Amino acid sequence: MRFKCFQLVPNNFLCCYILFFLISCQPFLAKASQDAIVIADPAIVYSDLQMSSPVGYITKGKKIVIGEVSRNKSQVYPIIVSGRVAYIRVLDVSTEKEAMDSQKLTAQRFQELANKLPETRVGVSYFNFYSTVGLEEDNGDLLDGDELQWQGVGFKASALVKKRYDFQVLTNYLGASDGEESLRVVELGLGGTIRLIQTKSFILSFEGDLLWVPYASYSLGSDFRVNSYGYSTGGGINMALGFTESLGIEAFGKFYYSKLLPFETPGTYKGIAPSFVGHRLGLGIQYIF
């Protein structure tokens, strides 16, 4: 005697059941599916679009297959549970497409930051240094406590390294004379800026400079010219005004202290190691890029 299990279920009933299953799954199968990972702990599964009837939950980290198109104003994704269509909240899952879009967005933002150079300014300026001389020994008209006016030309390159902070590279050449005595100085160094007021075309900032003097000369007429070195430091206010996106002018006022190490003079002349304290006022033109 053979047992025919399929004869226990009428053929018509079996066809109707298969048809009902296909119809019930049609809304889900009509759209493409996608892989997703549960990110809620746990994610509740609902039997209806309005999320009024929970039917179970899925643990965090579980990989599932959901519909590609969200429903109910993009609040839920369809999901098959025990052969029936159910729904899971959009906020409770992360799809592969979302992960790829997030990676692309992150890479795009990183590339934009990498390609965006900091604001850079290059400028040339003319300035006067009104100083008081500190001098223990003298060889001519220049005496301790005298006022000496220097004239100079400066080159400055600055880059915006943060929202209100600039880093600067500075080069200055300045000279002064008193009678037959003359002084020439080259300054090289670094500076920093804090932008106190900043608009689209105007910047008011405080600048601080620290400079090395690799070359300084002191001469007395045609009798001699000797060299030395030293340092300068100072700080003050800078105002920059832009006329276009790439051109502007600046004006500055700074207080400076400069110290030159002893000059070894020939013959009966006295070696001097002068210092200079005073303020520098200047005007310049800037190129911005």
C-alpha atoms as a PDB file:
ATOM      1  CA  MET A   1       0.000   0.000   0.000  1.00  0.00           C
ATOM      2  CA  ARG A   2       1.460   3.320  -1.047  1.00  0.00           C
ATOM      3  CA  PHE A   3       0.899   6.544   0.882  1.00  0.00           C
ATOM      4  CA  LYS A   4       0.079   9.394  -1.429  1.00  0.00           C
ATOM      5  CA  CYS A   5       0.410  12.539   0.642  1.00  0.00           C
ATOM      6  CA  PHE A   6      -0.349  14.919  -2.190  1.00  0.00           C
ATOM      7  CA  GLN A   7      -3.727  13.338  -2.648  1.00  0.00           C
ATOM      8  CA  LEU A   8      -4.711  14.665   0.806  1.00  0.00           C
ATOM      9  CA  VAL A   9      -4.676  18.230  -0.602  1.00  0.00           C
ATOM     10  CA  PRO A  10      -7.015  18.888  -3.538  1.00  0.00           C
ATOM     11  CA  ASN A  11      -5.317  20.279  -6.577  1.00  0.00           C
ATOM     12  CA  ASN A  12      -7.674  23.236  -6.737  1.00  0.00           C
ATOM     13  CA  PHE A  13      -6.917  24.219  -3.157  1.00  0.00           C
ATOM     14  CA  LEU A  14      -3.149  24.007  -3.736  1.00  0.00           C
ATOM     15  CA  CYS A  15      -3.391  26.256  -6.799  1.00  0.00           C
ATOM     16  CA  CYS A  16      -5.482  28.775  -4.911  1.00  0.00           C
ATOM     17  CA  TYR A  17      -2.946  28.878  -2.052  1.00  0.00           C
ATOM     18  CA  ILE A  18      -0.036  29.499  -4.430  1.00  0.00           C
ATOM     19  CA  LEU A  19      -2.025  32.193  -6.205  1.00  0.00           C
ATOM     20  CA  PHE A  20      -2.885  33.878  -2.890  1.00  0.00           C
ATOM     21  CA  PHE A  21       0.797  33.846  -1.861  1.00  0.00           C
ATOM     22  CA  LEU A  22       1.887  35.446  -5.118  1.00  0.00           C
ATOM     23  CA  ILE A  23      -0.795  38.114  -4.873  1.00  0.00           C
ATOM     24  CA  SER A  24       0.070  38.937  -1.270  1.00  0.00           C
ATOM     25  CA  CYS A  25       3.772  39.271  -2.143  1.00  0.00           C
ATOM     26  CA  GLN A  26       3.184  41.250  -5.332  1.00  0.00           C
ATOM     27  CA  PRO A  27       3.682  44.715  -3.769  1.00  0.00           C
ATOM     28  CA  PHE A  28       7.100  43.602  -2.536  1.00  0.00           C
ATOM     29  CA  LEU A  29       8.182  41.546  -5.521  1.00  0.00           C
ATOM     30  CA  ALA A  30       7.118  44.173  -8.023  1.00  0.00           C
ATOM     31  CA  LYS A  31       9.986  46.337  -6.846  1.00  0.00           C
ATOM     32  CA  ALA A  32      13.655  45.468  -6.713  1.00  0.00           C
ATOM     33  CA  SER A  33      15.044  44.396  -3.365  1.00  0.00           C
ATOM     34  CA  GLN A  34      18.167  45.524  -1.565  1.00  0.00           C
ATOM     35  CA  ASP A  35      20.330  44.357   1.288  1.00  0.00           C
ATOM     36  CA  ALA A  36      20.227  46.202   4.584  1.00  0.00           C
ATOM     37  CA  ILE A  37      21.619  45.926   8.095  1.00  0.00           C
ATOM     38  CA  VAL A  38      19.551  46.523  11.203  1.00  0.00           C
ATOM     39  CA  ILE A  39      20.974  49.451  13.199  1.00  0.00           C
ATOM     40  CA  ALA A  40      18.252  49.777  15.868  1.00  0.00           C
ATOM     41  CA  ASP A  41      18.404  47.717  19.044  1.00  0.00           C
ATOM     42  CA  PRO A  42      16.018  46.097  18.336  1.00  0.00           C
ATOM     43  CA  ALA A  43      14.100  47.020  15.163  1.00  0.00           C
ATOM     44  CA  ILE A  44      10.346  46.475  15.424  1.00  0.00           C
ATOM     45  CA  VAL A  45       8.512  44.866  12.509  1.00  0.00           C
ATOM     46  CA  TYR A  46       4.945  46.004  11.792  1.00  0.00           C
ATOM     47  CA  SER A  47       2.140  44.359   9.892  1.00  0.00           C
ATOM     48  CA  ASP A  48       0.776  47.593   8.456  1.00  0.00           C
ATOM     49  CA  LEU A  49       2.037  50.761   6.791  1.00  0.00           C
ATOM     50  CA  GLN A  50       0.820  52.937   9.653  1.00  0.00           C
ATOM     51  CA  MET A  51       3.043  51.016  12.126  1.00  0.00           C
ATOM     52  CA  SER A  52       0.114  50.410  14.468  1.00  0.00           C
ATOM     53  CA  SER A  53       0.461  46.622  14.824  1.00  0.00           C
ATOM     54  CA  PRO A  54       3.897  45.233  15.828  1.00  0.00           C
ATOM     55  CA  VAL A  55       4.380  41.593  14.912  1.00  0.00           C
ATOM     56  CA  GLY A  56       7.940  41.053  16.137  1.00  0.00           C
ATOM     57  CA  TYR A  57      11.460  42.454  16.136  1.00  0.00           C
ATOM     58  CA  ILE A  58      14.881  41.920  14.564  1.00  0.00           C
ATOM     59  CA  THR A  59      18.106  42.238  16.541  1.00  0.00           C
ATOM     60  CA  LYS A  60      20.769  44.839  15.793  1.00  0.00           C
ATOM     61  CA  GLY A  61      23.402  43.836  13.249  1.00  0.00           C
ATOM     62  CA  LYS A  62      21.161  41.367  11.427  1.00  0.00           C
ATOM     63  CA  LYS A  63      21.446  41.439   7.638  1.00  0.00           C
ATOM     64  CA  ILE A  64      18.039  41.456   5.923  1.00  0.00           C
ATOM     65  CA  VAL A  65      16.468  41.942   2.487  1.00  0.00           C
ATOM     66  CA  ILE A  66      14.019  44.808   2.091  1.00  0.00           C
ATOM     67  CA  GLY A  67      12.220  46.568  -0.726  1.00  0.00           C
ATOM     68  CA  GLU A  68      14.141  49.183  -2.638  1.00  0.00           C
ATOM     69  CA  VAL A  69      11.373  51.797  -2.459  1.00  0.00           C
ATOM     70  CA  SER A  70      10.216  53.152   0.896  1.00  0.00           C
ATOM     71  CA  ARG A  71       6.521  53.584   1.660  1.00  0.00           C
ATOM     72  CA  ASN A  72       4.203  55.751   3.772  1.00  0.00           C
ATOM     73  CA  LYS A  73       5.993  59.023   3.023  1.00  0.00           C
ATOM     74  CA  SER A  74       9.395  57.320   3.198  1.00  0.00           C
ATOM     75  CA  GLN A  75       8.838  56.096   6.761  1.00  0.00           C
ATOM     76  CA  VAL A  76       8.960  52.317   6.222  1.00  0.00           C
ATOM     77  CA  TYR A  77      10.477  49.677   3.957  1.00  0.00           C
ATOM     78  CA  PRO A  78       8.552  46.515   2.979  1.00  0.00           C
ATOM     79  CA  ILE A  79      10.014  43.231   4.186  1.00  0.00           C
ATOM     80  CA  ILE A  80       8.930  39.581   3.809  1.00  0.00           C
ATOM     81  CA  VAL A  81       8.256  37.822   7.130  1.00  0.00           C
ATOM     82  CA  SER A  82       7.011  34.219   7.061  1.00  0.00           C
ATOM     83  CA  GLY A  83       5.854  34.635   3.511  1.00  0.00           C
ATOM     84  CA  ARG A  84       3.909  37.804   4.198  1.00  0.00           C
ATOM     85  CA  VAL A  85       4.648  41.454   3.581  1.00  0.00           C
ATOM     86  CA  ALA A  86       5.517  43.401   6.717  1.00  0.00           C
ATOM     87  CA  TYR A  87       7.181  46.742   7.332  1.00  0.00           C
ATOM     88  CA  ILE A  88      10.258  48.035   9.116  1.00  0.00           C
ATOM     89  CA  ARG A  89      11.118  51.662   9.887  1.00  0.00           C
ATOM     90  CA  VAL A  90      13.541  53.425   7.540  1.00  0.00           C
ATOM     91  CA  LEU A  91      15.417  54.832  10.537  1.00  0.00           C
ATOM     92  CA  ASP A  92      16.024  51.336  11.921  1.00  0.00           C
ATOM     93  CA  VAL A  93      18.051  50.035   8.945  1.00  0.00           C
ATOM     94  CA  SER A  94      21.046  51.064   6.888  1.00  0.00           C
ATOM     95  CA  THR A  95      21.066  50.079   3.228  1.00  0.00           C
ATOM     96  CA  GLU A  96      24.078  49.377   1.053  1.00  0.00           C
ATOM     97  CA  LYS A  97      23.090  52.322  -1.160  1.00  0.00           C
ATOM     98  CA  GLU A  98      23.077  54.665   1.824  1.00  0.00           C
ATOM     99  CA  ALA A  99      26.492  53.375   2.885  1.00  0.00           C
ATOM    100  CA  MET A 100      27.902  53.896  -0.618  1.00  0.00           C
ATOM    101  CA  ASP A 101      26.386  57.388  -0.851  1.00  0.00           C
ATOM    102  CA  SER A 102      27.845  58.232   2.538  1.00  0.00           C
ATOM    103  CA  GLN A 103      31.281  57.027   1.459  1.00  0.00           C
ATOM    104  CA  LYS A 104      31.055  59.022  -1.789  1.00  0.00           C
ATOM    105  CA  LEU A 105      29.961  62.142   0.101  1.00  0.00           C
ATOM    106  CA  THR A 106      32.800  61.758   2.586  1.00  0.00           C
ATOM    107  CA  ALA A 107      35.329  61.260  -0.205  1.00  0.00           C
ATOM    108  CA  GLN A 108      33.914  64.223  -2.116  1.00  0.00           C
ATOM    109  CA  ARG A 109      34.120  66.517   0.920  1.00  0.00           C
ATOM    110  CA  PHE A 110      37.656  65.344   1.646  1.00  0.00           C
ATOM    111  CA  GLN A 111      38.667  66.028  -1.948  1.00  0.00           C
ATOM    112  CA  GLU A 112      37.116  69.500  -1.807  1.00  0.00           C
ATOM    113  CA  LEU A 113      39.054  70.281   1.367  1.00  0.00           C
ATOM    114  CA  ALA A 114      42.246  68.920  -0.143  1.00  0.00           C
ATOM    115  CA  ASN A 115      41.821  70.983  -3.296  1.00  0.00           C
ATOM    116  CA  LYS A 116      40.894  74.154  -1.436  1.00  0.00           C
ATOM    117  CA  LEU A 117      44.082  76.010  -0.614  1.00  0.00           C
ATOM    118  CA  PRO A 118      44.144  78.403   2.345  1.00  0.00           C
ATOM    119  CA  GLU A 119      43.706  82.078   1.571  1.00  0.00           C
ATOM    120  CA  THR A 120      47.142  83.418   0.687  1.00  0.00           C
ATOM    121  CA  ARG A 121      48.278  87.032   0.547  1.00  0.00           C
ATOM    122  CA  VAL A 122      51.509  88.375  -0.866  1.00  0.00           C
ATOM    123  CA  GLY A 123      52.361  92.016  -0.299  1.00  0.00           C
ATOM    124  CA  VAL A 124      55.034  94.654  -0.713  1.00  0.00           C
ATOM    125  CA  SER A 125      55.117  97.675   1.594  1.00  0.00           C
ATOM    126  CA  TYR A 126      57.042 100.851   2.291  1.00  0.00           C
ATOM    127  CA  PHE A 127      57.504 101.941   5.912  1.00  0.00           C
ATOM    128  CA  ASN A 128      59.262 104.363   8.254  1.00  0.00           C
ATOM    129  CA  PHE A 129      60.835 103.274  11.521  1.00  0.00           C
ATOM    130  CA  TYR A 130      60.942 106.156  14.007  1.00  0.00           C
ATOM    131  CA  SER A 131      63.352 104.956  16.680  1.00  0.00           C
ATOM    132  CA  THR A 132      65.277 106.069  19.733  1.00  0.00           C
ATOM    133  CA  VAL A 133      68.903 104.921  19.779  1.00  0.00           C
ATOM    134  CA  GLY A 134      70.486 103.056  22.658  1.00  0.00           C
ATOM    135  CA  LEU A 135      74.276 103.464  22.423  1.00  0.00           C
ATOM    136  CA  GLU A 136      77.053 103.167  25.030  1.00  0.00           C
ATOM    137  CA  GLU A 137      79.916 104.334  22.764  1.00  0.00           C
ATOM    138  CA  ASP A 138      79.853 106.761  19.812  1.00  0.00           C
ATOM    139  CA  ASN A 139      82.051 107.609  16.862  1.00  0.00           C
ATOM    140  CA  GLY A 140      80.364 110.677  15.374  1.00  0.00           C
ATOM    141  CA  ASP A 141      77.026 112.451  15.309  1.00  0.00           C
ATOM    142  CA  LEU A 142      74.963 109.435  16.435  1.00  0.00           C
ATOM    143  CA  LEU A 143      74.603 109.570  20.249  1.00  0.00           C
ATOM    144  CA  ASP A 144      72.743 107.663  22.923  1.00  0.00           C
ATOM    145  CA  GLY A 145      69.106 108.780  23.105  1.00  0.00           C
ATOM    146  CA  ASP A 146      69.062 110.344  19.646  1.00  0.00           C
ATOM    147  CA  GLU A 147      66.043 109.915  17.412  1.00  0.00           C
ATOM    148  CA  LEU A 148      66.768 108.140  14.171  1.00  0.00           C
ATOM    149  CA  GLN A 149      64.386 107.693  11.255  1.00  0.00           C
ATOM    150  CA  TRP A 150      64.712 104.605   9.078  1.00  0.00           C
ATOM    151  CA  GLN A 151      63.194 103.992   5.675  1.00  0.00           C
ATOM    152  CA  GLY A 152      62.427 100.466   4.621  1.00  0.00           C
ATOM    153  CA  VAL A 153      60.808  98.114   2.146  1.00  0.00           C
ATOM    154  CA  GLY A 154      59.119  94.904   3.239  1.00  0.00           C
ATOM    155  CA  PHE A 155      57.917  91.725   1.581  1.00  0.00           C
ATOM    156  CA  LYS A 156      55.295  89.585   3.302  1.00  0.00           C
ATOM    157  CA  ALA A 157      53.601  86.296   2.437  1.00  0.00           C
ATOM    158  CA  SER A 158      50.757  85.143   4.681  1.00  0.00           C
ATOM    159  CA  ALA A 159      48.425  82.158   4.684  1.00  0.00           C
ATOM    160  CA  LEU A 160      45.162  81.711   6.570  1.00  0.00           C
ATOM    161  CA  VAL A 161      45.721  78.531   8.588  1.00  0.00           C
ATOM    162  CA  LYS A 162      42.536  78.752  10.662  1.00  0.00           C
ATOM    163  CA  LYS A 163      39.379  80.820  10.602  1.00  0.00           C
ATOM    164  CA  ARG A 164      41.053  83.905  12.135  1.00  0.00           C
ATOM    165  CA  TYR A 165      44.746  83.039  12.301  1.00  0.00           C
ATOM    166  CA  ASP A 166      47.423  83.739   9.690  1.00  0.00           C
ATOM    167  CA  PHE A 167      50.990  82.504   9.426  1.00  0.00           C
ATOM    168  CA  GLN A 168      53.490  84.921   7.863  1.00  0.00           C
ATOM    169  CA  VAL A 169      56.953  84.896   6.291  1.00  0.00           C
ATOM    170  CA  LEU A 170      58.646  88.306   6.369  1.00  0.00           C
ATOM    171  CA  THR A 171      61.611  90.004   4.714  1.00  0.00           C
ATOM    172  CA  ASN A 172      62.598  93.633   5.356  1.00  0.00           C
ATOM    173  CA  TYR A 173      65.371  95.909   4.190  1.00  0.00           C
ATOM    174  CA  LEU A 174      65.841  99.256   5.951  1.00  0.00           C
ATOM    175  CA  GLY A 175      68.460 101.940   6.296  1.00  0.00           C
ATOM    176  CA  ALA A 176      69.150 105.167   8.205  1.00  0.00           C
ATOM    177  CA  SER A 177      71.794 107.893   8.275  1.00  0.00           C
ATOM    178  CA  ASP A 178      72.960 110.539  10.729  1.00  0.00           C
ATOM    179  CA  GLY A 179      75.696 112.777   9.367  1.00  0.00           C
ATOM    180  CA  GLU A 180      78.434 110.568   7.966  1.00  0.00           C
ATOM    181  CA  GLU A 181      77.223 107.502   9.877  1.00  0.00           C
ATOM    182  CA  SER A 182      74.858 105.116   8.177  1.00  0.00           C
ATOM    183  CA  LEU A 183      73.221 101.825   9.077  1.00  0.00           C
ATOM    184  CA  ARG A 184      71.773  99.141   6.794  1.00  0.00           C
ATOM    185  CA  VAL A 185      69.800  96.138   8.053  1.00  0.00           C
ATOM    186  CA  VAL A 186      68.218  93.029   6.493  1.00  0.00           C
ATOM    187  CA  GLU A 187      65.528  91.224   8.526  1.00  0.00           C
ATOM    188  CA  LEU A 188      64.156  87.723   7.932  1.00  0.00           C
ATOM    189  CA  GLY A 189      61.588  85.981  10.062  1.00  0.00           C
ATOM    190  CA  LEU A 190      58.124  84.760  10.896  1.00  0.00           C
ATOM    191  CA  GLY A 191      54.929  86.384  12.036  1.00  0.00           C
ATOM    192  CA  GLY A 192      51.471  85.523  13.252  1.00  0.00           C
ATOM    193  CA  THR A 193      48.145  87.312  12.927  1.00  0.00           C
ATOM    194  CA  ILE A 194      44.851  87.284  14.822  1.00  0.00           C
ATOM    195  CA  ARG A 195      41.977  88.740  12.812  1.00  0.00           C
ATOM    196  CA  LEU A 196      39.978  90.956  15.156  1.00  0.00           C
ATOM    197  CA  ILE A 197      37.435  92.228  12.605  1.00  0.00           C
ATOM    198  CA  GLN A 198      36.787  90.486   9.319  1.00  0.00           C
ATOM    199  CA  THR A 199      34.326  91.343   6.560  1.00  0.00           C
ATOM    200  CA  LYS A 200      34.247  90.547   2.861  1.00  0.00           C
ATOM    201  CA  SER A 201      36.582  93.409   1.964  1.00  0.00           C
ATOM    202  CA  PHE A 202      38.090  94.622   5.264  1.00  0.00           C
ATOM    203  CA  ILE A 203      40.341  92.956   7.851  1.00  0.00           C
ATOM    204  CA  LEU A 204      41.568  94.478  11.108  1.00  0.00           C
ATOM    205  CA  SER A 205      44.180  92.293  12.757  1.00  0.00           C
ATOM    206  CA  PHE A 206      46.891  92.194  15.373  1.00  0.00           C
ATOM    207  CA  GLU A 207      50.297  91.059  14.105  1.00  0.00           C
ATOM    208  CA  GLY A 208      53.313  89.796  16.010  1.00  0.00           C
ATOM    209  CA  ASP A 209      56.759  89.414  14.388  1.00  0.00           C
ATOM    210  CA  LEU A 210      60.003  87.713  15.372  1.00  0.00           C
ATOM    211  CA  LEU A 211      62.893  88.516  13.019  1.00  0.00           C
ATOM    212  CA  TRP A 212      66.532  87.561  12.674  1.00  0.00           C
ATOM    213  CA  VAL A 213      69.026  90.088  11.328  1.00  0.00           C
ATOM    214  CA  PRO A 214      71.511  88.040   9.286  1.00  0.00           C
ATOM    215  CA  TYR A 215      73.151  91.155   7.887  1.00  0.00           C
ATOM    216  CA  ALA A 216      73.712  94.639   9.346  1.00  0.00           C
ATOM    217  CA  SER A 217      76.290  97.193   8.260  1.00  0.00           C
ATOM    218  CA  TYR A 218      77.653 100.311   9.958  1.00  0.00           C
ATOM    219  CA  SER A 219      79.774 102.842   8.119  1.00  0.00           C
ATOM    220  CA  LEU A 220      81.402 106.189   8.854  1.00  0.00           C
ATOM    221  CA  GLY A 221      81.861 108.089   5.611  1.00  0.00           C
ATOM    222  CA  SER A 222      84.682 106.538   3.580  1.00  0.00           C
ATOM    223  CA  ASP A 223      86.674 105.578   6.702  1.00  0.00           C
ATOM    224  CA  PHE A 224      85.187 102.120   7.206  1.00  0.00           C
ATOM    225  CA  ARG A 225      82.213  99.813   6.723  1.00  0.00           C
ATOM    226  CA  VAL A 226      81.804  96.885   9.132  1.00  0.00           C
ATOM    227  CA  ASN A 227      79.175  94.150   9.418  1.00  0.00           C
ATOM    228  CA  SER A 228      77.332  92.445  12.236  1.00  0.00           C
ATOM    229  CA  TYR A 229      73.986  90.750  12.934  1.00  0.00           C
ATOM    230  CA  GLY A 230      71.184  90.803  15.502  1.00  0.00           C
ATOM    231  CA  TYR A 231      67.422  90.458  15.919  1.00  0.00           C
ATOM    232  CA  SER A 232      64.156  92.415  15.911  1.00  0.00           C
ATOM    233  CA  THR A 233      60.763  91.816  17.463  1.00  0.00           C
ATOM    234  CA  GLY A 234      57.535  93.752  17.352  1.00  0.00           C
ATOM    235  CA  GLY A 235      53.797  93.808  17.051  1.00  0.00           C
ATOM    236  CA  GLY A 236      50.876  96.038  16.225  1.00  0.00           C
ATOM    237  CA  ILE A 237      47.758  96.665  14.185  1.00  0.00           C
ATOM    238  CA  ASN A 238      47.275  95.971  10.488  1.00  0.00           C
ATOM    239  CA  MET A 239      44.326  97.105   8.368  1.00  0.00           C
ATOM    240  CA  ALA A 240      43.748  95.526   4.966  1.00  0.00           C
ATOM    241  CA  LEU A 241      41.185  96.692   2.432  1.00  0.00           C
ATOM    242  CA  GLY A 242      40.378  94.732  -0.705  1.00  0.00           C
ATOM    243  CA  PHE A 243      39.378  96.483  -3.916  1.00  0.00           C
ATOM    244  CA  THR A 244      38.796  93.276  -5.862  1.00  0.00           C
ATOM    245  CA  GLU A 245      38.991  89.573  -5.048  1.00  0.00           C
ATOM    246  CA  SER A 246      42.709  89.598  -5.808  1.00  0.00           C
ATOM    247  CA  LEU A 247      43.987  93.126  -5.082  1.00  0.00           C
ATOM    248  CA  GLY A 248      44.041  95.231  -1.948  1.00  0.00           C
ATOM    249  CA  ILE A 249      46.027  97.682   0.162  1.00  0.00           C
ATOM    250  CA  GLU A 250      47.205  97.580   3.744  1.00  0.00           C
ATOM    251  CA  ALA A 251      48.275 100.078   6.395  1.00  0.00           C
ATOM    252  CA  PHE A 252      50.022  99.161   9.624  1.00  0.00           C
ATOM    253  CA  GLY A 253      51.419 100.602  12.795  1.00  0.00           C
ATOM    254  CA  LYS A 254      53.748  98.508  14.974  1.00  0.00           C
ATOM    255  CA  PHE A 255      56.006  98.953  17.968  1.00  0.00           C
ATOM    256  CA  TYR A 256      59.485  97.444  17.465  1.00  0.00           C
ATOM    257  CA  TYR A 257      62.671  96.689  19.335  1.00  0.00           C
ATOM    258  CA  SER A 258      65.854  95.942  17.345  1.00  0.00           C
ATOM    259  CA  LYS A 259      69.225  94.920  18.744  1.00  0.00           C
ATOM    260  CA  LEU A 260      72.483  94.719  16.787  1.00  0.00           C
ATOM    261  CA  LEU A 261      75.475  92.879  18.174  1.00  0.00           C
ATOM    262  CA  PRO A 262      78.834  94.743  18.451  1.00  0.00           C
ATOM    263  CA  PHE A 263      80.419  96.102  15.295  1.00  0.00           C
ATOM    264  CA  GLU A 264      84.225  95.682  15.372  1.00  0.00           C
ATOM    265  CA  THR A 265      85.555  98.975  14.057  1.00  0.00           C
ATOM    266  CA  PRO A 266      89.118  99.500  12.758  1.00  0.00           C
ATOM    267  CA  GLY A 267      91.923 101.680  14.193  1.00  0.00           C
ATOM    268  CA  THR A 268      91.032 104.091  16.954  1.00  0.00           C
ATOM    269  CA  TYR A 269      87.285 103.979  16.297  1.00  0.00           C
ATOM    270  CA  LYS A 270      85.020 102.549  18.973  1.00  0.00           C
ATOM    271  CA  GLY A 271      83.003  99.404  18.502  1.00  0.00           C
ATOM    272  CA  ILE A 272      79.279  99.963  18.953  1.00  0.00           C
ATOM    273  CA  ALA A 273      76.353  97.646  19.775  1.00  0.00           C
ATOM    274  CA  PRO A 274      73.291  99.816  19.165  1.00  0.00           C
ATOM    275  CA  SER A 275      69.645  99.106  19.954  1.00  0.00           C
ATOM    276  CA  PHE A 276      66.595 100.838  18.510  1.00  0.00           C
ATOM    277  CA  VAL A 277      63.123 101.226  20.032  1.00  0.00           C
ATOM    278  CA  GLY A 278      60.213 102.856  18.269  1.00  0.00           C
ATOM    279  CA  HIS A 279      57.239 102.522  15.992  1.00  0.00           C
ATOM    280  CA  ARG A 280      56.942 101.571  12.355  1.00  0.00           C
ATOM    281  CA  LEU A 281      54.255 103.038  10.092  1.00  0.00           C
ATOM    282  CA  GLY A 282      53.739 101.685   6.606  1.00  0.00           C
ATOM    283  CA  LEU A 283      51.577 101.304   3.514  1.00  0.00           C
ATOM    284  CA  GLY A 284      51.543  98.425   1.095  1.00  0.00           C
ATOM    285  CA  ILE A 285      49.776  96.641  -1.732  1.00  0.00           C
ATOM    286  CA  GLN A 286      48.557  93.039  -1.559  1.00  0.00           C
ATOM    287  CA  TYR A 287      47.847  90.312  -4.065  1.00  0.00           C
ATOM    288  CA  ILE A 288      45.305  87.763  -2.789  1.00  0.00           C
ATOM    289  CA  PHE A 289      44.898  84.248  -4.164  1.00  0.00           C
END
